[in-house]
Amino acid sequence: MDGIFLGRKDILNILRNVDLLGEDCWLTSGAALVLYGVKEETRDIDLVCTSQLADRLEAQGVPFRRSPLGNTRIFAYSGQIEVLEDWETEEVVQLEGLPAASLMSIRKQKEALGREKDQADIRLIDSFLSREKLGK
């Protein structure tokens, strides 16, 4: 997927065909930030799922690796979608008719990861929230 970026329409088109989304699976990270309007594009789509759904994905043979943080499973659901088991989310909201981590939940996830790209996303989130507060 090097060099391929997903915009708002791409993300919505891909997610409309994913039957995982619901109470036990929701959108997070960069793709959610695109749908919120915080950024223009992202490289992939990250979903968070409960351990129960992760067990079902493993039983279905969906390939996964273990996260170095907490030893949870990260499923390669498709070439563009990863499903992260039990990635802490404080609040799930409806975004474009899809369940998604709230903006503040994503910010906290990014803080916990602390990578340079996460720091850049935190700056984008903070700037977006400041503009929203000022009424753009």
Protein backbone atom coordinates (compact mmCIF):
# COMPACT_ATOMS: atom_id res chain seq x y z
CA MET A 1 0.00 0.00 0.00
CA ASP A 2 2.98 2.34 -0.23
CA GLY A 3 2.00 5.61 -1.81
CA ILE A 4 -1.74 4.90 -1.73
CA PHE A 5 -3.78 7.34 0.29
CA LEU A 6 -7.45 7.12 1.19
CA GLY A 7 -9.68 10.18 1.22
CA ARG A 8 -13.17 10.61 2.67
CA LYS A 9 -15.00 8.98 -0.28
CA ASP A 10 -12.56 6.05 -0.41
CA ILE A 11 -12.99 5.35 3.30
CA LEU A 12 -16.78 5.52 3.15
CA ASN A 13 -16.90 3.25 0.08
CA ILE A 14 -14.66 0.65 1.75
CA LEU A 15 -16.51 0.75 5.08
CA ARG A 16 -19.95 0.43 3.50
CA ASN A 17 -18.89 -3.11 2.52
CA VAL A 18 -17.55 -4.13 5.95
CA ASP A 19 -20.05 -6.09 8.02
CA LEU A 20 -17.97 -6.01 11.21
CA LEU A 21 -18.97 -2.52 12.29
CA GLY A 22 -21.40 -2.36 15.20
CA GLU A 23 -21.46 -2.58 18.98
CA ASP A 24 -18.32 -4.71 19.09
CA CYS A 25 -16.34 -3.00 16.31
CA TRP A 26 -15.76 0.67 15.48
CA LEU A 27 -13.60 3.02 13.45
CA THR A 28 -10.59 4.78 14.98
CA SER A 29 -7.33 6.53 14.18
CA GLY A 30 -6.46 8.13 10.85
CA ALA A 31 -9.55 7.09 8.89
CA ALA A 32 -11.80 8.48 11.62
CA LEU A 33 -9.75 11.70 11.60
CA VAL A 34 -10.44 11.99 7.86
CA LEU A 35 -14.19 11.57 8.44
CA TYR A 36 -14.11 14.14 11.26
CA GLY A 37 -12.43 16.57 8.86
CA VAL A 38 -9.22 16.76 10.90
CA LYS A 39 -7.06 15.52 8.02
CA GLU A 40 -7.51 15.02 4.28
CA GLU A 41 -6.27 11.45 3.83
CA THR A 42 -4.77 8.40 5.52
CA ARG A 43 -2.88 5.27 4.48
CA ASP A 44 -5.21 2.65 5.96
CA ILE A 45 -8.31 2.02 8.02
CA ASP A 46 -8.04 0.96 11.65
CA LEU A 47 -10.96 -0.63 13.44
CA VAL A 48 -11.15 -1.57 17.12
CA CYS A 49 -12.96 -4.72 18.20
CA THR A 50 -13.84 -6.48 21.42
CA SER A 51 -12.04 -9.65 22.49
CA GLN A 52 -15.18 -11.63 21.66
CA LEU A 53 -15.11 -10.45 18.04
CA ALA A 54 -11.34 -11.03 17.94
CA ASP A 55 -11.95 -14.63 19.01
CA ARG A 56 -14.45 -15.04 16.15
CA LEU A 57 -12.00 -13.50 13.63
CA GLU A 58 -9.25 -15.86 14.80
CA ALA A 59 -11.63 -18.84 14.55
CA GLN A 60 -12.46 -17.76 10.97
CA GLY A 61 -8.75 -17.86 10.15
CA VAL A 62 -8.21 -14.12 9.71
CA PRO A 63 -4.42 -13.65 9.97
CA PHE A 64 -3.13 -11.68 12.95
CA ARG A 65 -0.01 -10.69 14.82
CA ARG A 66 0.45 -9.90 18.48
CA SER A 67 0.85 -6.27 19.49
CA PRO A 68 4.07 -5.53 21.37
CA LEU A 69 1.90 -3.33 23.61
CA GLY A 70 -0.28 -5.53 25.76
CA ASN A 71 -0.05 -8.67 23.59
CA THR A 72 -3.45 -8.06 21.97
CA ARG A 73 -4.20 -9.26 18.45
CA ILE A 74 -3.98 -7.09 15.34
CA PHE A 75 -5.87 -8.65 12.43
CA ALA A 76 -5.02 -8.05 8.78
CA TYR A 77 -8.68 -7.99 7.77
CA SER A 78 -7.97 -6.78 4.24
CA GLY A 79 -5.20 -4.99 2.40
CA GLN A 80 -6.56 -1.68 3.68
CA ILE A 81 -8.12 -2.61 7.02
CA GLU A 82 -6.55 -3.66 10.31
CA VAL A 83 -8.69 -4.70 13.26
CA LEU A 84 -7.14 -3.98 16.66
CA GLU A 85 -8.33 -5.99 19.65
CA ASP A 86 -9.43 -4.03 22.72
CA TRP A 87 -7.68 -0.77 21.88
CA GLU A 88 -8.87 1.43 24.70
CA THR A 89 -11.69 3.72 23.61
CA GLU A 90 -13.51 5.89 26.12
CA GLU A 91 -16.42 6.84 23.91
CA VAL A 92 -17.93 5.57 20.67
CA VAL A 93 -20.12 7.95 18.66
CA GLN A 94 -21.90 7.86 15.30
CA LEU A 95 -19.88 9.42 12.48
CA GLU A 96 -21.29 9.40 8.94
CA GLY A 97 -23.67 6.68 10.16
CA LEU A 98 -20.78 4.51 11.37
CA PRO A 99 -19.63 3.74 14.92
CA ALA A 100 -16.37 5.59 15.60
CA ALA A 101 -14.14 6.49 18.51
CA SER A 102 -14.76 10.04 19.68
CA LEU A 103 -12.17 12.64 18.78
CA MET A 104 -10.95 12.83 22.39
CA SER A 105 -10.68 9.02 22.56
CA ILE A 106 -8.51 9.05 19.44
CA ARG A 107 -6.39 11.85 20.92
CA LYS A 108 -5.80 9.77 24.07
CA GLN A 109 -4.91 6.70 21.97
CA LYS A 110 -2.41 8.79 20.01
CA GLU A 111 -0.91 10.16 23.25
CA ALA A 112 -0.46 6.62 24.57
CA LEU A 113 1.33 5.52 21.38
CA GLY A 114 3.53 8.62 21.30
CA ARG A 115 5.11 8.03 17.89
CA GLU A 116 6.06 11.04 15.76
CA LYS A 117 3.10 10.47 13.43
CA ASP A 118 0.83 10.33 16.48
CA GLN A 119 2.28 13.61 17.77
CA ALA A 120 1.55 15.17 14.37
CA ASP A 121 -2.06 13.89 14.55
CA ILE A 122 -2.44 15.30 18.08
CA ARG A 123 -1.37 18.72 16.77
CA LEU A 124 -3.95 18.41 13.97
CA ILE A 125 -6.68 17.39 16.45
CA ASP A 126 -5.86 20.29 18.79
CA SER A 127 -5.86 22.75 15.89
CA PHE A 128 -9.18 21.37 14.63
CA LEU A 129 -10.75 21.62 18.10
CA SER A 130 -9.51 25.21 18.46
CA ARG A 131 -11.09 26.15 15.11
CA GLU A 132 -14.34 24.41 16.10
CA LYS A 133 -14.39 26.30 19.39
CA LEU A 134 -13.94 29.60 17.55
CA GLY A 135 -16.67 28.66 15.10
CA LYS A 136 -14.16 28.29 12.27
